[in-house]
Amino acid sequence: MSSALDATAREARAGTRRRWLDAGTLTPVIAAILFGTYAALQMRWDWLETYYPLLLRGLGMTVLLVVVTSSLGMLLAIPIGLVQVVGPKWLALPARAFCTVIRGTPLLLQLWLLYYGLGSLFPQFPWIRDSALWPILRQAWPYAFLGLTLSYAAYEGEVFRGAFKGVPKGQLDAAKAYGMSGLLMFRRIWLPQAFKRAMPTLAGETILQLKATPLVATITVIDVYSVAAQVRQQTYLTYEPLLLISAIYILMAVFITKVFARLSGKGRDNTAFSRS
């Protein structure tokens, strides 16, 4: 038994080495190393000493935008997708209309409508200007978080609609026959199965959410992209700041992919008759 396990482990290691030595994998790795060496030796990076605090601040805002808006958007997307499948109709129609409007208009336009439209209406109401919320509502970041959250919720609402619809009806019927309540059936069967089906799409949509965050710079929110734009304007350097934030976005996208892959790999198999 032990020798068989050792042989399996050796084969796995050999397979990993073969994948790394494969031309399709090795070529981009070598290209990245060569380009990184060239960039480090031939390009100007002395500006980092001055701008790295602002860069870290922008990076923190980007990470916060992705984490918070994706989490809140997910919480909104689940009921939006569910009501489109089970009703009632007076909830399903607004949910469908919400997804259609948000998915059918550019995110940039939505951010501008929230910031320059809704944000400009608030000062006209004295009870808002005099409230404790006014110092927050007069800033740009609430509208950035709101816009990105609504966008994510609309796209993922459609994803969950398809995921809920795709759960085999036999599993739900078996749960009812087993005596499960509607809430227990949803928690133990329908929602986990829908998540499992939606997980690959959720990973891609979260990466798209990351790539949408530079749009908040247009409403004066300082994210990592807006910092790079400031560096370009003040130092007249074009390639260095753009290449740096490109590398940051790539690393964050790889991290998101790994997180969702780990979640998919470790997701437990929920069935109607699994133990509590």
C-alpha atoms as a PDB file:
ATOM      1  CA  MET A   1       0.000   0.000   0.000  1.00  0.00           C
ATOM      2  CA  SER A   2       2.780   2.397   0.934  1.00  0.00           C
ATOM      3  CA  SER A   3       4.731   1.679  -2.253  1.00  0.00           C
ATOM      4  CA  ALA A   4       1.631   2.302  -4.357  1.00  0.00           C
ATOM      5  CA  LEU A   5       1.098   5.658  -2.662  1.00  0.00           C
ATOM      6  CA  ASP A   6       4.764   6.577  -3.215  1.00  0.00           C
ATOM      7  CA  ALA A   7       4.476   5.680  -6.891  1.00  0.00           C
ATOM      8  CA  THR A   8       1.353   7.809  -7.232  1.00  0.00           C
ATOM      9  CA  ALA A   9       3.088  10.750  -5.558  1.00  0.00           C
ATOM     10  CA  ARG A  10       6.094  10.398  -7.860  1.00  0.00           C
ATOM     11  CA  GLU A  11       3.833  10.347 -10.910  1.00  0.00           C
ATOM     12  CA  ALA A  12       2.055  13.463  -9.688  1.00  0.00           C
ATOM     13  CA  ARG A  13       5.369  15.288  -9.188  1.00  0.00           C
ATOM     14  CA  ALA A  14       6.539  14.180 -12.618  1.00  0.00           C
ATOM     15  CA  GLY A  15       3.298  15.440 -14.135  1.00  0.00           C
ATOM     16  CA  THR A  16       3.771  18.799 -12.430  1.00  0.00           C
ATOM     17  CA  ARG A  17       7.312  19.078 -13.796  1.00  0.00           C
ATOM     18  CA  ARG A  18       6.083  18.209 -17.282  1.00  0.00           C
ATOM     19  CA  ARG A  19       3.428  20.899 -17.089  1.00  0.00           C
ATOM     20  CA  TRP A  20       6.015  23.491 -16.040  1.00  0.00           C
ATOM     21  CA  LEU A  21       8.337  22.399 -18.854  1.00  0.00           C
ATOM     22  CA  ASP A  22       5.537  22.507 -21.409  1.00  0.00           C
ATOM     23  CA  ALA A  23       6.188  25.210 -24.024  1.00  0.00           C
ATOM     24  CA  GLY A  24       2.771  26.775 -23.490  1.00  0.00           C
ATOM     25  CA  THR A  25       3.590  27.369 -19.829  1.00  0.00           C
ATOM     26  CA  LEU A  26       7.310  27.997 -20.005  1.00  0.00           C
ATOM     27  CA  THR A  27       7.225  30.589 -22.795  1.00  0.00           C
ATOM     28  CA  PRO A  28       5.145  33.225 -20.954  1.00  0.00           C
ATOM     29  CA  VAL A  29       7.125  32.616 -17.746  1.00  0.00           C
ATOM     30  CA  ILE A  30      10.424  33.259 -19.545  1.00  0.00           C
ATOM     31  CA  ALA A  31       8.948  36.277 -21.320  1.00  0.00           C
ATOM     32  CA  ALA A  32       7.738  37.710 -17.987  1.00  0.00           C
ATOM     33  CA  ILE A  33      11.183  37.196 -16.411  1.00  0.00           C
ATOM     34  CA  LEU A  34      12.958  38.868 -19.328  1.00  0.00           C
ATOM     35  CA  PHE A  35      10.536  41.786 -19.424  1.00  0.00           C
ATOM     36  CA  GLY A  36      10.728  42.198 -15.642  1.00  0.00           C
ATOM     37  CA  THR A  37      14.525  42.310 -15.836  1.00  0.00           C
ATOM     38  CA  TYR A  38      14.414  44.879 -18.628  1.00  0.00           C
ATOM     39  CA  ALA A  39      11.860  47.017 -16.749  1.00  0.00           C
ATOM     40  CA  ALA A  40      13.907  46.929 -13.547  1.00  0.00           C
ATOM     41  CA  LEU A  41      17.148  47.922 -15.273  1.00  0.00           C
ATOM     42  CA  GLN A  42      16.044  50.291 -18.027  1.00  0.00           C
ATOM     43  CA  MET A  43      12.982  52.124 -16.684  1.00  0.00           C
ATOM     44  CA  ARG A  44      12.672  54.829 -14.052  1.00  0.00           C
ATOM     45  CA  TRP A  45      11.327  53.737 -10.683  1.00  0.00           C
ATOM     46  CA  ASP A  46      12.665  56.524  -8.470  1.00  0.00           C
ATOM     47  CA  TRP A  47       9.155  58.017  -8.279  1.00  0.00           C
ATOM     48  CA  LEU A  48       8.033  55.085  -6.123  1.00  0.00           C
ATOM     49  CA  GLU A  49       9.809  56.564  -3.105  1.00  0.00           C
ATOM     50  CA  THR A  50       7.550  59.619  -3.304  1.00  0.00           C
ATOM     51  CA  TYR A  51       4.292  58.038  -4.379  1.00  0.00           C
ATOM     52  CA  TYR A  52       4.271  54.678  -2.584  1.00  0.00           C
ATOM     53  CA  PRO A  53       2.116  55.926   0.368  1.00  0.00           C
ATOM     54  CA  LEU A  54      -0.510  57.161  -2.093  1.00  0.00           C
ATOM     55  CA  LEU A  55      -0.161  53.944  -4.071  1.00  0.00           C
ATOM     56  CA  LEU A  56      -0.800  51.857  -0.960  1.00  0.00           C
ATOM     57  CA  ARG A  57      -3.831  53.990  -0.139  1.00  0.00           C
ATOM     58  CA  GLY A  58      -5.197  53.498  -3.647  1.00  0.00           C
ATOM     59  CA  LEU A  59      -4.512  49.770  -3.497  1.00  0.00           C
ATOM     60  CA  GLY A  60      -6.366  49.554  -0.199  1.00  0.00           C
ATOM     61  CA  MET A  61      -9.373  51.317  -1.717  1.00  0.00           C
ATOM     62  CA  THR A  62      -9.346  48.963  -4.723  1.00  0.00           C
ATOM     63  CA  VAL A  63      -9.250  45.877  -2.496  1.00  0.00           C
ATOM     64  CA  LEU A  64     -11.989  47.303  -0.282  1.00  0.00           C
ATOM     65  CA  LEU A  65     -14.160  48.079  -3.297  1.00  0.00           C
ATOM     66  CA  VAL A  66     -13.857  44.551  -4.660  1.00  0.00           C
ATOM     67  CA  VAL A  67     -14.420  42.779  -1.340  1.00  0.00           C
ATOM     68  CA  VAL A  68     -17.296  44.924  -0.050  1.00  0.00           C
ATOM     69  CA  THR A  69     -19.210  45.385  -3.311  1.00  0.00           C
ATOM     70  CA  SER A  70     -18.850  41.724  -4.301  1.00  0.00           C
ATOM     71  CA  SER A  71     -20.025  40.557  -0.871  1.00  0.00           C
ATOM     72  CA  LEU A  72     -22.990  42.940  -0.706  1.00  0.00           C
ATOM     73  CA  GLY A  73     -23.813  42.300  -4.359  1.00  0.00           C
ATOM     74  CA  MET A  74     -23.837  38.566  -3.687  1.00  0.00           C
ATOM     75  CA  LEU A  75     -26.256  39.000  -0.788  1.00  0.00           C
ATOM     76  CA  LEU A  76     -28.579  40.974  -3.083  1.00  0.00           C
ATOM     77  CA  ALA A  77     -28.147  38.626  -6.049  1.00  0.00           C
ATOM     78  CA  ILE A  78     -29.416  35.526  -4.244  1.00  0.00           C
ATOM     79  CA  PRO A  79     -32.947  36.844  -3.541  1.00  0.00           C
ATOM     80  CA  ILE A  80     -33.012  38.624  -6.925  1.00  0.00           C
ATOM     81  CA  GLY A  81     -32.309  35.349  -8.682  1.00  0.00           C
ATOM     82  CA  LEU A  82     -34.633  33.349  -6.447  1.00  0.00           C
ATOM     83  CA  VAL A  83     -37.738  35.509  -6.875  1.00  0.00           C
ATOM     84  CA  GLN A  84     -37.375  35.304 -10.650  1.00  0.00           C
ATOM     85  CA  VAL A  85     -37.701  31.531 -10.365  1.00  0.00           C
ATOM     86  CA  VAL A  86     -40.320  31.041  -7.639  1.00  0.00           C
ATOM     87  CA  GLY A  87     -42.122  34.392  -7.626  1.00  0.00           C
ATOM     88  CA  PRO A  88     -44.347  35.957  -6.564  1.00  0.00           C
ATOM     89  CA  LYS A  89     -44.902  37.812  -9.813  1.00  0.00           C
ATOM     90  CA  TRP A  90     -45.072  41.231  -8.166  1.00  0.00           C
ATOM     91  CA  LEU A  91     -41.486  40.662  -6.958  1.00  0.00           C
ATOM     92  CA  ALA A  92     -40.230  38.760 -10.006  1.00  0.00           C
ATOM     93  CA  LEU A  93     -41.086  41.552 -12.454  1.00  0.00           C
ATOM     94  CA  PRO A  94     -39.180  44.316 -10.567  1.00  0.00           C
ATOM     95  CA  ALA A  95     -36.220  41.945 -10.115  1.00  0.00           C
ATOM     96  CA  ARG A  96     -36.169  41.179 -13.829  1.00  0.00           C
ATOM     97  CA  ALA A  97     -36.514  44.877 -14.683  1.00  0.00           C
ATOM     98  CA  PHE A  98     -33.658  45.754 -12.301  1.00  0.00           C
ATOM     99  CA  CYS A  99     -31.341  43.212 -13.945  1.00  0.00           C
ATOM    100  CA  THR A 100     -32.334  44.383 -17.428  1.00  0.00           C
ATOM    101  CA  VAL A 101     -31.742  48.069 -16.712  1.00  0.00           C
ATOM    102  CA  ILE A 102     -28.440  47.631 -14.871  1.00  0.00           C
ATOM    103  CA  ARG A 103     -27.037  45.120 -17.354  1.00  0.00           C
ATOM    104  CA  GLY A 104     -28.241  47.195 -20.306  1.00  0.00           C
ATOM    105  CA  THR A 105     -26.553  50.468 -19.334  1.00  0.00           C
ATOM    106  CA  PRO A 106     -22.831  51.241 -18.973  1.00  0.00           C
ATOM    107  CA  LEU A 107     -21.452  51.169 -15.456  1.00  0.00           C
ATOM    108  CA  LEU A 108     -19.787  54.528 -16.067  1.00  0.00           C
ATOM    109  CA  LEU A 109     -23.183  56.071 -16.803  1.00  0.00           C
ATOM    110  CA  GLN A 110     -24.619  54.530 -13.623  1.00  0.00           C
ATOM    111  CA  LEU A 111     -21.801  55.969 -11.508  1.00  0.00           C
ATOM    112  CA  TRP A 112     -22.276  59.412 -13.018  1.00  0.00           C
ATOM    113  CA  LEU A 113     -26.049  59.290 -12.477  1.00  0.00           C
ATOM    114  CA  LEU A 114     -25.526  58.356  -8.839  1.00  0.00           C
ATOM    115  CA  TYR A 115     -22.759  60.861  -8.111  1.00  0.00           C
ATOM    116  CA  TYR A 116     -23.677  63.830 -10.290  1.00  0.00           C
ATOM    117  CA  GLY A 117     -27.416  63.143 -10.284  1.00  0.00           C
ATOM    118  CA  LEU A 118     -28.469  61.705  -6.941  1.00  0.00           C
ATOM    119  CA  GLY A 119     -25.569  63.373  -5.153  1.00  0.00           C
ATOM    120  CA  SER A 120     -26.596  66.792  -6.465  1.00  0.00           C
ATOM    121  CA  LEU A 121     -30.178  66.336  -5.254  1.00  0.00           C
ATOM    122  CA  PHE A 122     -29.301  65.803  -1.597  1.00  0.00           C
ATOM    123  CA  PRO A 123     -28.091  69.388  -0.926  1.00  0.00           C
ATOM    124  CA  GLN A 124     -31.533  70.665  -1.922  1.00  0.00           C
ATOM    125  CA  PHE A 125     -33.093  69.090   1.173  1.00  0.00           C
ATOM    126  CA  PRO A 126     -32.250  70.900   4.429  1.00  0.00           C
ATOM    127  CA  TRP A 127     -33.133  67.858   6.535  1.00  0.00           C
ATOM    128  CA  ILE A 128     -30.413  65.903   4.701  1.00  0.00           C
ATOM    129  CA  ARG A 129     -27.835  68.712   4.876  1.00  0.00           C
ATOM    130  CA  ASP A 130     -28.432  69.057   8.609  1.00  0.00           C
ATOM    131  CA  SER A 131     -28.336  65.315   9.333  1.00  0.00           C
ATOM    132  CA  ALA A 132     -25.400  63.274  10.620  1.00  0.00           C
ATOM    133  CA  LEU A 133     -25.214  61.509   7.226  1.00  0.00           C
ATOM    134  CA  TRP A 134     -24.379  64.658   5.268  1.00  0.00           C
ATOM    135  CA  PRO A 135     -20.577  64.470   5.849  1.00  0.00           C
ATOM    136  CA  ILE A 136     -20.736  61.001   4.265  1.00  0.00           C
ATOM    137  CA  LEU A 137     -23.210  61.741   1.479  1.00  0.00           C
ATOM    138  CA  ARG A 138     -21.188  64.719   0.270  1.00  0.00           C
ATOM    139  CA  GLN A 139     -18.223  62.452  -0.489  1.00  0.00           C
ATOM    140  CA  ALA A 140     -17.765  60.320  -3.599  1.00  0.00           C
ATOM    141  CA  TRP A 141     -16.986  56.900  -2.157  1.00  0.00           C
ATOM    142  CA  PRO A 142     -20.575  55.990  -1.065  1.00  0.00           C
ATOM    143  CA  TYR A 143     -21.746  56.366  -4.658  1.00  0.00           C
ATOM    144  CA  ALA A 144     -18.836  54.273  -5.916  1.00  0.00           C
ATOM    145  CA  PHE A 145     -19.691  51.464  -3.497  1.00  0.00           C
ATOM    146  CA  LEU A 146     -23.393  51.718  -4.313  1.00  0.00           C
ATOM    147  CA  GLY A 147     -22.871  51.703  -8.080  1.00  0.00           C
ATOM    148  CA  LEU A 148     -20.499  48.733  -8.069  1.00  0.00           C
ATOM    149  CA  THR A 149     -22.723  46.801  -5.650  1.00  0.00           C
ATOM    150  CA  LEU A 150     -25.837  47.272  -7.777  1.00  0.00           C
ATOM    151  CA  SER A 151     -23.927  46.303 -10.919  1.00  0.00           C
ATOM    152  CA  TYR A 152     -22.585  43.113  -9.351  1.00  0.00           C
ATOM    153  CA  ALA A 153     -26.022  42.255  -7.925  1.00  0.00           C
ATOM    154  CA  ALA A 154     -27.696  42.589 -11.329  1.00  0.00           C
ATOM    155  CA  TYR A 155     -25.209  40.374 -13.150  1.00  0.00           C
ATOM    156  CA  GLU A 156     -25.057  37.772 -10.409  1.00  0.00           C
ATOM    157  CA  GLY A 157     -28.834  37.871 -10.015  1.00  0.00           C
ATOM    158  CA  GLU A 158     -29.083  36.522 -13.549  1.00  0.00           C
ATOM    159  CA  VAL A 159     -26.400  33.947 -12.800  1.00  0.00           C
ATOM    160  CA  PHE A 160     -28.277  32.730  -9.734  1.00  0.00           C
ATOM    161  CA  ARG A 161     -31.549  32.683 -11.631  1.00  0.00           C
ATOM    162  CA  GLY A 162     -30.038  30.165 -14.022  1.00  0.00           C
ATOM    163  CA  ALA A 163     -28.342  28.301 -11.185  1.00  0.00           C
ATOM    164  CA  PHE A 164     -31.558  27.949  -9.171  1.00  0.00           C
ATOM    165  CA  LYS A 165     -33.416  26.829 -12.285  1.00  0.00           C
ATOM    166  CA  GLY A 166     -30.715  24.289 -13.063  1.00  0.00           C
ATOM    167  CA  VAL A 167     -31.027  22.377  -9.780  1.00  0.00           C
ATOM    168  CA  PRO A 168     -32.755  19.061 -10.621  1.00  0.00           C
ATOM    169  CA  LYS A 169     -36.406  19.091  -9.582  1.00  0.00           C
ATOM    170  CA  GLY A 170     -36.043  15.526  -8.354  1.00  0.00           C
ATOM    171  CA  GLN A 171     -33.764  16.658  -5.526  1.00  0.00           C
ATOM    172  CA  LEU A 172     -36.333  19.191  -4.351  1.00  0.00           C
ATOM    173  CA  ASP A 173     -39.161  16.679  -4.602  1.00  0.00           C
ATOM    174  CA  ALA A 174     -37.106  14.167  -2.613  1.00  0.00           C
ATOM    175  CA  ALA A 175     -36.502  16.756   0.082  1.00  0.00           C
ATOM    176  CA  LYS A 176     -40.226  17.487   0.330  1.00  0.00           C
ATOM    177  CA  ALA A 177     -40.962  13.761   0.538  1.00  0.00           C
ATOM    178  CA  TYR A 178     -38.354  13.474   3.272  1.00  0.00           C
ATOM    179  CA  GLY A 179     -40.302  16.048   5.283  1.00  0.00           C
ATOM    180  CA  MET A 180     -38.000  19.058   4.975  1.00  0.00           C
ATOM    181  CA  SER A 181     -39.498  22.504   5.403  1.00  0.00           C
ATOM    182  CA  GLY A 182     -39.132  25.055   2.632  1.00  0.00           C
ATOM    183  CA  LEU A 183     -36.445  27.002   4.502  1.00  0.00           C
ATOM    184  CA  LEU A 184     -34.465  23.879   5.381  1.00  0.00           C
ATOM    185  CA  MET A 185     -34.697  22.616   1.814  1.00  0.00           C
ATOM    186  CA  PHE A 186     -33.431  25.972   0.532  1.00  0.00           C
ATOM    187  CA  ARG A 187     -30.559  26.072   3.027  1.00  0.00           C
ATOM    188  CA  ARG A 188     -29.478  22.444   2.689  1.00  0.00           C
ATOM    189  CA  ILE A 189     -30.139  21.678  -0.985  1.00  0.00           C
ATOM    190  CA  TRP A 190     -31.222  24.450  -3.290  1.00  0.00           C
ATOM    191  CA  LEU A 191     -28.761  27.176  -2.292  1.00  0.00           C
ATOM    192  CA  PRO A 192     -25.644  24.915  -2.032  1.00  0.00           C
ATOM    193  CA  GLN A 193     -26.415  23.282  -5.380  1.00  0.00           C
ATOM    194  CA  ALA A 194     -26.971  26.686  -6.992  1.00  0.00           C
ATOM    195  CA  PHE A 195     -23.702  27.971  -5.548  1.00  0.00           C
ATOM    196  CA  LYS A 196     -21.875  24.952  -6.913  1.00  0.00           C
ATOM    197  CA  ARG A 197     -23.273  25.581 -10.379  1.00  0.00           C
ATOM    198  CA  ALA A 198     -22.596  29.333 -10.237  1.00  0.00           C
ATOM    199  CA  MET A 199     -19.079  29.171  -8.796  1.00  0.00           C
ATOM    200  CA  PRO A 200     -17.100  29.250 -12.104  1.00  0.00           C
ATOM    201  CA  THR A 201     -19.143  32.228 -13.307  1.00  0.00           C
ATOM    202  CA  LEU A 202     -18.794  33.987  -9.949  1.00  0.00           C
ATOM    203  CA  ALA A 203     -15.006  33.841 -10.234  1.00  0.00           C
ATOM    204  CA  GLY A 204     -15.083  35.468 -13.665  1.00  0.00           C
ATOM    205  CA  GLU A 205     -17.602  38.094 -12.594  1.00  0.00           C
ATOM    206  CA  THR A 206     -15.507  39.004  -9.550  1.00  0.00           C
ATOM    207  CA  ILE A 207     -12.481  39.527 -11.777  1.00  0.00           C
ATOM    208  CA  LEU A 208     -14.621  41.727 -14.021  1.00  0.00           C
ATOM    209  CA  GLN A 209     -15.646  43.619 -10.880  1.00  0.00           C
ATOM    210  CA  LEU A 210     -11.957  44.177 -10.126  1.00  0.00           C
ATOM    211  CA  LYS A 211     -11.387  45.499 -13.642  1.00  0.00           C
ATOM    212  CA  ALA A 212     -14.397  47.822 -13.304  1.00  0.00           C
ATOM    213  CA  THR A 213     -12.988  49.579 -10.227  1.00  0.00           C
ATOM    214  CA  PRO A 214     -10.871  52.101 -12.237  1.00  0.00           C
ATOM    215  CA  LEU A 215     -14.151  53.753 -13.282  1.00  0.00           C
ATOM    216  CA  VAL A 216     -14.537  55.167  -9.767  1.00  0.00           C
ATOM    217  CA  ALA A 217     -11.629  57.487 -10.545  1.00  0.00           C
ATOM    218  CA  THR A 218     -14.025  59.440 -12.773  1.00  0.00           C
ATOM    219  CA  ILE A 219     -16.000  60.481  -9.667  1.00  0.00           C
ATOM    220  CA  THR A 220     -12.837  61.478  -7.730  1.00  0.00           C
ATOM    221  CA  VAL A 221     -12.419  58.285  -5.690  1.00  0.00           C
ATOM    222  CA  ILE A 222      -8.715  57.545  -5.227  1.00  0.00           C
ATOM    223  CA  ASP A 223      -8.056  53.944  -6.224  1.00  0.00           C
ATOM    224  CA  VAL A 224      -4.871  52.370  -7.535  1.00  0.00           C
ATOM    225  CA  TYR A 225      -5.608  53.445 -11.113  1.00  0.00           C
ATOM    226  CA  SER A 226      -6.174  57.088 -10.168  1.00  0.00           C
ATOM    227  CA  VAL A 227      -2.798  57.081  -8.403  1.00  0.00           C
ATOM    228  CA  ALA A 228      -1.116  55.903 -11.593  1.00  0.00           C
ATOM    229  CA  ALA A 229      -2.887  58.671 -13.495  1.00  0.00           C
ATOM    230  CA  GLN A 230      -1.585  61.240 -10.994  1.00  0.00           C
ATOM    231  CA  VAL A 231       1.953  59.901 -11.373  1.00  0.00           C
ATOM    232  CA  ARG A 232       1.704  60.226 -15.157  1.00  0.00           C
ATOM    233  CA  GLN A 233       0.442  63.800 -14.925  1.00  0.00           C
ATOM    234  CA  GLN A 234       3.043  64.948 -12.405  1.00  0.00           C
ATOM    235  CA  THR A 235       6.156  63.073 -13.596  1.00  0.00           C
ATOM    236  CA  TYR A 236       5.379  62.714 -17.339  1.00  0.00           C
ATOM    237  CA  LEU A 237       6.146  59.014 -17.036  1.00  0.00           C
ATOM    238  CA  THR A 238       3.754  56.898 -19.069  1.00  0.00           C
ATOM    239  CA  TYR A 239       4.825  53.287 -19.110  1.00  0.00           C
ATOM    240  CA  GLU A 240       6.212  52.753 -15.611  1.00  0.00           C
ATOM    241  CA  PRO A 241       3.068  53.534 -13.547  1.00  0.00           C
ATOM    242  CA  LEU A 242       0.795  51.778 -16.031  1.00  0.00           C
ATOM    243  CA  LEU A 243       2.968  48.671 -16.063  1.00  0.00           C
ATOM    244  CA  LEU A 244       3.088  48.633 -12.283  1.00  0.00           C
ATOM    245  CA  ILE A 245      -0.681  48.780 -11.820  1.00  0.00           C
ATOM    246  CA  SER A 246      -1.104  46.226 -14.621  1.00  0.00           C
ATOM    247  CA  ALA A 247       1.051  43.846 -12.602  1.00  0.00           C
ATOM    248  CA  ILE A 248      -1.018  44.645  -9.490  1.00  0.00           C
ATOM    249  CA  TYR A 249      -4.278  43.883 -11.294  1.00  0.00           C
ATOM    250  CA  ILE A 250      -2.872  40.634 -12.683  1.00  0.00           C
ATOM    251  CA  LEU A 251      -1.743  39.483  -9.238  1.00  0.00           C
ATOM    252  CA  MET A 252      -5.127  40.344  -7.744  1.00  0.00           C
ATOM    253  CA  ALA A 253      -6.929  38.494 -10.551  1.00  0.00           C
ATOM    254  CA  VAL A 254      -4.743  35.429 -10.000  1.00  0.00           C
ATOM    255  CA  PHE A 255      -5.482  35.597  -6.267  1.00  0.00           C
ATOM    256  CA  ILE A 256      -9.239  35.784  -6.918  1.00  0.00           C
ATOM    257  CA  THR A 257      -8.994  32.816  -9.278  1.00  0.00           C
ATOM    258  CA  LYS A 258      -7.106  30.780  -6.678  1.00  0.00           C
ATOM    259  CA  VAL A 259      -9.619  31.648  -3.944  1.00  0.00           C
ATOM    260  CA  PHE A 260     -12.598  30.553  -6.023  1.00  0.00           C
ATOM    261  CA  ALA A 261     -10.777  27.436  -7.215  1.00  0.00           C
ATOM    262  CA  ARG A 262     -10.091  26.517  -3.597  1.00  0.00           C
ATOM    263  CA  LEU A 263     -13.700  27.173  -2.642  1.00  0.00           C
ATOM    264  CA  SER A 264     -14.897  25.034  -5.550  1.00  0.00           C
ATOM    265  CA  GLY A 265     -12.513  22.218  -4.684  1.00  0.00           C
ATOM    266  CA  LYS A 266     -13.429  22.175  -1.016  1.00  0.00           C
ATOM    267  CA  GLY A 267     -17.174  22.620  -1.475  1.00  0.00           C
ATOM    268  CA  ARG A 268     -18.937  19.779   0.264  1.00  0.00           C
ATOM    269  CA  ASP A 269     -21.461  17.633  -1.560  1.00  0.00           C
ATOM    270  CA  ASN A 270     -24.876  18.685  -0.240  1.00  0.00           C
ATOM    271  CA  THR A 271     -27.677  16.235  -0.821  1.00  0.00           C
ATOM    272  CA  ALA A 272     -31.169  15.892   0.495  1.00  0.00           C
ATOM    273  CA  PHE A 273     -30.140  13.172   2.895  1.00  0.00           C
ATOM    274  CA  SER A 274     -26.763  14.455   4.111  1.00  0.00           C
ATOM    275  CA  ARG A 275     -26.231  14.463   7.858  1.00  0.00           C
ATOM    276  CA  SER A 276     -26.421  17.728   9.831  1.00  0.00           C
END
